[in-house]
N, C-alpha and C. Protein backbone atom coordinates (compact mmCIF):
# COMPACT_ATOMS: atom_id res chain seq x y z
N GLU A 1 13.65 -6.68 2.08
CA GLU A 1 14.05 -7.18 3.38
C GLU A 1 13.73 -8.66 3.51
N VAL A 2 12.61 -9.09 2.98
CA VAL A 2 12.22 -10.49 3.10
C VAL A 2 13.23 -11.39 2.40
N GLY A 3 13.81 -10.92 1.31
CA GLY A 3 14.79 -11.72 0.58
C GLY A 3 16.09 -11.89 1.34
N PHE A 4 16.40 -11.03 2.29
CA PHE A 4 17.65 -11.09 3.02
C PHE A 4 17.54 -11.80 4.36
N LEU A 5 16.33 -11.95 4.88
CA LEU A 5 16.15 -12.62 6.16
C LEU A 5 16.07 -14.13 5.94
N THR A 6 16.71 -14.89 6.79
CA THR A 6 16.72 -16.34 6.62
C THR A 6 15.57 -17.01 7.36
N ALA A 7 15.26 -16.59 8.56
CA ALA A 7 14.20 -17.21 9.34
C ALA A 7 13.10 -16.19 9.62
N SER A 8 11.87 -16.60 9.41
CA SER A 8 10.75 -15.71 9.70
C SER A 8 10.32 -15.95 11.14
N THR A 9 10.62 -15.00 11.98
CA THR A 9 10.26 -15.10 13.39
C THR A 9 9.45 -13.88 13.78
N ILE A 10 8.72 -14.02 14.85
CA ILE A 10 7.95 -12.90 15.37
C ILE A 10 8.78 -12.23 16.45
N GLY A 11 9.21 -11.02 16.15
CA GLY A 11 10.03 -10.25 17.07
C GLY A 11 9.76 -8.77 16.88
N PRO A 12 10.64 -7.93 17.38
CA PRO A 12 10.43 -6.48 17.26
C PRO A 12 10.36 -6.00 15.81
N LEU A 13 11.17 -6.58 14.94
CA LEU A 13 11.16 -6.18 13.53
C LEU A 13 9.83 -6.55 12.87
N PHE A 14 9.27 -7.67 13.25
CA PHE A 14 7.97 -8.09 12.73
C PHE A 14 6.90 -7.06 13.07
N PHE A 15 6.86 -6.61 14.32
CA PHE A 15 5.85 -5.64 14.74
C PHE A 15 6.11 -4.26 14.14
N ALA A 16 7.36 -3.91 13.95
CA ALA A 16 7.68 -2.64 13.29
C ALA A 16 7.19 -2.67 11.84
N ASN A 17 7.35 -3.80 11.17
CA ASN A 17 6.87 -3.94 9.79
C ASN A 17 5.35 -3.87 9.72
N ARG A 18 4.66 -4.46 10.68
CA ARG A 18 3.19 -4.38 10.68
C ARG A 18 2.73 -2.95 10.92
N PHE A 19 3.45 -2.20 11.75
CA PHE A 19 3.11 -0.79 11.99
C PHE A 19 3.28 0.02 10.71
N ILE A 20 4.37 -0.20 10.00
CA ILE A 20 4.60 0.49 8.73
C ILE A 20 3.55 0.08 7.70
N ASP A 21 3.19 -1.19 7.68
CA ASP A 21 2.13 -1.64 6.77
C ASP A 21 0.81 -0.94 7.08
N ALA A 22 0.51 -0.75 8.36
CA ALA A 22 -0.72 -0.06 8.74
C ALA A 22 -0.71 1.38 8.25
N ILE A 23 0.44 2.02 8.30
CA ILE A 23 0.54 3.39 7.79
C ILE A 23 0.30 3.41 6.29
N PHE A 24 0.88 2.46 5.56
CA PHE A 24 0.68 2.40 4.12
C PHE A 24 -0.77 2.10 3.75
N VAL A 25 -1.43 1.22 4.49
CA VAL A 25 -2.83 0.92 4.22
C VAL A 25 -3.69 2.16 4.47
N THR A 26 -3.38 2.90 5.53
CA THR A 26 -4.09 4.16 5.79
C THR A 26 -3.89 5.13 4.64
N ASP A 27 -2.66 5.22 4.14
CA ASP A 27 -2.38 6.09 3.00
C ASP A 27 -3.17 5.64 1.77
N MET A 28 -3.25 4.34 1.55
CA MET A 28 -4.03 3.85 0.41
C MET A 28 -5.49 4.24 0.53
N CYS A 29 -6.04 4.14 1.72
CA CYS A 29 -7.44 4.53 1.92
C CYS A 29 -7.64 6.02 1.68
N LEU A 30 -6.69 6.82 2.13
CA LEU A 30 -6.80 8.27 1.93
C LEU A 30 -6.71 8.66 0.46
N GLN A 31 -5.98 7.88 -0.33
CA GLN A 31 -5.84 8.19 -1.74
C GLN A 31 -7.16 8.14 -2.49
N PHE A 32 -8.15 7.44 -1.95
CA PHE A 32 -9.47 7.38 -2.58
C PHE A 32 -10.28 8.66 -2.34
N PHE A 33 -9.77 9.57 -1.51
CA PHE A 33 -10.52 10.77 -1.17
C PHE A 33 -9.77 12.07 -1.48
N ILE A 34 -8.50 12.00 -1.80
CA ILE A 34 -7.69 13.20 -2.00
C ILE A 34 -7.78 13.65 -3.45
N MET A 35 -8.13 14.92 -3.64
CA MET A 35 -8.23 15.46 -4.99
C MET A 35 -6.85 15.49 -5.65
N TYR A 36 -6.85 15.45 -6.97
CA TYR A 36 -5.60 15.52 -7.72
C TYR A 36 -5.69 16.64 -8.75
N PRO A 37 -4.56 17.24 -9.12
CA PRO A 37 -4.60 18.32 -10.11
C PRO A 37 -4.84 17.76 -11.50
N ALA A 38 -5.84 18.30 -12.17
CA ALA A 38 -6.16 17.83 -13.51
C ALA A 38 -5.36 18.59 -14.56
N ARG A 39 -5.24 19.89 -14.40
CA ARG A 39 -4.48 20.70 -15.35
C ARG A 39 -4.12 22.02 -14.69
N VAL A 40 -3.19 22.68 -15.31
CA VAL A 40 -2.78 24.00 -14.81
C VAL A 40 -3.24 25.03 -15.83
N GLN A 41 -3.94 26.03 -15.33
CA GLN A 41 -4.45 27.09 -16.20
C GLN A 41 -4.12 28.43 -15.56
N PHE A 42 -3.38 29.24 -16.28
CA PHE A 42 -2.98 30.57 -15.80
C PHE A 42 -2.23 30.49 -14.47
N GLN A 43 -1.29 29.55 -14.39
CA GLN A 43 -0.44 29.34 -13.22
C GLN A 43 -1.22 28.89 -11.98
N ARG A 44 -2.40 28.34 -12.18
CA ARG A 44 -3.21 27.81 -11.08
C ARG A 44 -3.62 26.39 -11.40
N ALA A 45 -3.49 25.51 -10.44
CA ALA A 45 -3.88 24.11 -10.64
C ALA A 45 -5.38 23.97 -10.42
N LEU A 46 -6.01 23.25 -11.31
CA LEU A 46 -7.43 22.94 -11.17
C LEU A 46 -7.54 21.51 -10.67
N PHE A 47 -8.17 21.34 -9.53
CA PHE A 47 -8.27 20.03 -8.89
C PHE A 47 -9.59 19.36 -9.23
N VAL A 48 -9.55 18.04 -9.33
CA VAL A 48 -10.75 17.24 -9.61
C VAL A 48 -11.42 16.91 -8.29
N PRO A 49 -12.64 17.42 -8.06
CA PRO A 49 -13.32 17.15 -6.79
C PRO A 49 -14.28 15.96 -6.84
N THR A 50 -14.53 15.39 -8.02
CA THR A 50 -15.50 14.32 -8.17
C THR A 50 -14.94 13.01 -7.61
N HIS A 51 -15.67 12.45 -6.67
CA HIS A 51 -15.20 11.25 -5.98
C HIS A 51 -14.99 10.09 -6.95
N ARG A 52 -15.88 9.91 -7.89
CA ARG A 52 -15.77 8.83 -8.87
C ARG A 52 -14.51 8.99 -9.71
N MET A 53 -14.19 10.21 -10.10
CA MET A 53 -12.99 10.46 -10.91
C MET A 53 -11.72 10.22 -10.09
N ILE A 54 -11.75 10.58 -8.80
CA ILE A 54 -10.60 10.37 -7.93
C ILE A 54 -10.33 8.87 -7.79
N ILE A 55 -11.37 8.09 -7.57
CA ILE A 55 -11.22 6.65 -7.43
C ILE A 55 -10.70 6.05 -8.72
N ARG A 56 -11.27 6.43 -9.84
CA ARG A 56 -10.83 5.89 -11.13
C ARG A 56 -9.36 6.21 -11.40
N LYS A 57 -8.97 7.44 -11.13
CA LYS A 57 -7.58 7.84 -11.37
C LYS A 57 -6.62 7.03 -10.51
N TYR A 58 -6.95 6.84 -9.24
CA TYR A 58 -6.07 6.08 -8.34
C TYR A 58 -6.00 4.61 -8.76
N LEU A 59 -7.13 4.01 -9.11
CA LEU A 59 -7.14 2.62 -9.52
C LEU A 59 -6.35 2.41 -10.81
N GLN A 60 -6.35 3.40 -11.69
CA GLN A 60 -5.64 3.28 -12.96
C GLN A 60 -4.17 3.67 -12.86
N SER A 61 -3.76 4.28 -11.75
CA SER A 61 -2.37 4.74 -11.68
C SER A 61 -1.56 3.94 -10.66
N TRP A 62 -1.62 4.27 -9.39
CA TRP A 62 -0.70 3.73 -8.40
C TRP A 62 -1.29 2.64 -7.52
N PHE A 63 -2.55 2.30 -7.68
CA PHE A 63 -3.18 1.36 -6.76
C PHE A 63 -2.49 -0.01 -6.77
N LEU A 64 -2.22 -0.57 -7.93
CA LEU A 64 -1.60 -1.89 -8.00
C LEU A 64 -0.21 -1.89 -7.37
N VAL A 65 0.56 -0.85 -7.63
CA VAL A 65 1.90 -0.74 -7.04
C VAL A 65 1.79 -0.66 -5.52
N ASP A 66 0.87 0.17 -5.03
CA ASP A 66 0.68 0.30 -3.58
C ASP A 66 0.22 -1.02 -2.96
N LEU A 67 -0.67 -1.71 -3.65
CA LEU A 67 -1.18 -2.98 -3.13
C LEU A 67 -0.07 -4.02 -3.04
N LEU A 68 0.76 -4.12 -4.06
CA LEU A 68 1.87 -5.07 -4.03
C LEU A 68 2.90 -4.69 -2.98
N ALA A 69 3.04 -3.40 -2.71
CA ALA A 69 4.02 -2.94 -1.72
C ALA A 69 3.55 -3.23 -0.29
N VAL A 70 2.27 -3.33 -0.08
CA VAL A 70 1.76 -3.48 1.28
C VAL A 70 1.50 -4.95 1.65
N VAL A 71 1.61 -5.86 0.69
CA VAL A 71 1.40 -7.28 1.00
C VAL A 71 2.49 -7.75 1.97
N PRO A 72 2.11 -8.32 3.09
CA PRO A 72 3.11 -8.78 4.06
C PRO A 72 3.69 -10.14 3.65
N TYR A 73 4.70 -10.10 2.80
CA TYR A 73 5.27 -11.32 2.25
C TYR A 73 5.87 -12.22 3.34
N ASP A 74 6.37 -11.63 4.40
CA ASP A 74 6.92 -12.45 5.48
C ASP A 74 5.82 -13.25 6.18
N VAL A 75 4.65 -12.66 6.34
CA VAL A 75 3.53 -13.37 6.96
C VAL A 75 3.04 -14.47 6.03
N VAL A 76 2.98 -14.17 4.74
CA VAL A 76 2.56 -15.17 3.76
C VAL A 76 3.52 -16.37 3.78
N SER A 77 4.82 -16.09 3.85
CA SER A 77 5.79 -17.19 3.88
C SER A 77 5.68 -17.99 5.18
N MET A 78 5.41 -17.31 6.29
CA MET A 78 5.23 -18.02 7.56
C MET A 78 4.00 -18.92 7.51
N LEU A 79 2.91 -18.41 6.92
CA LEU A 79 1.69 -19.23 6.79
C LEU A 79 1.91 -20.40 5.85
N ALA A 80 2.64 -20.16 4.77
CA ALA A 80 2.91 -21.24 3.82
C ALA A 80 3.80 -22.31 4.45
N ALA A 81 4.77 -21.89 5.24
CA ALA A 81 5.64 -22.86 5.91
C ALA A 81 4.87 -23.64 6.95
N GLY A 82 3.93 -22.99 7.63
CA GLY A 82 3.11 -23.68 8.61
C GLY A 82 2.16 -24.66 7.96
N ALA A 83 1.65 -24.34 6.78
CA ALA A 83 0.75 -25.24 6.08
C ALA A 83 1.50 -26.46 5.55
N ARG A 84 2.77 -26.29 5.19
CA ARG A 84 3.56 -27.41 4.69
C ARG A 84 3.89 -28.41 5.78
N THR A 85 4.04 -27.93 7.03
CA THR A 85 4.42 -28.83 8.12
C THR A 85 3.24 -29.61 8.66
N GLN A 86 2.04 -29.18 8.39
CA GLN A 86 0.86 -29.87 8.93
C GLN A 86 0.42 -31.01 8.07
């Protein structure tokens, strides 16, 4: 969306994007606590309950993708444009 917008303004779309970003950040925080299936044995999934293992798995898998997805690039561009004008 940022690539298609010409002017970065604060309006309803800006606040809708911040709301969605807040939901994604909440999801990222929850991912540090949600167990994941380690293997399936006899048609039953065995989940990893160890907090350290959950954190390690998330950091090694989807954390970087989630972090890059939640960066508010429109805000960064607005701040950069403001810094250039001063």
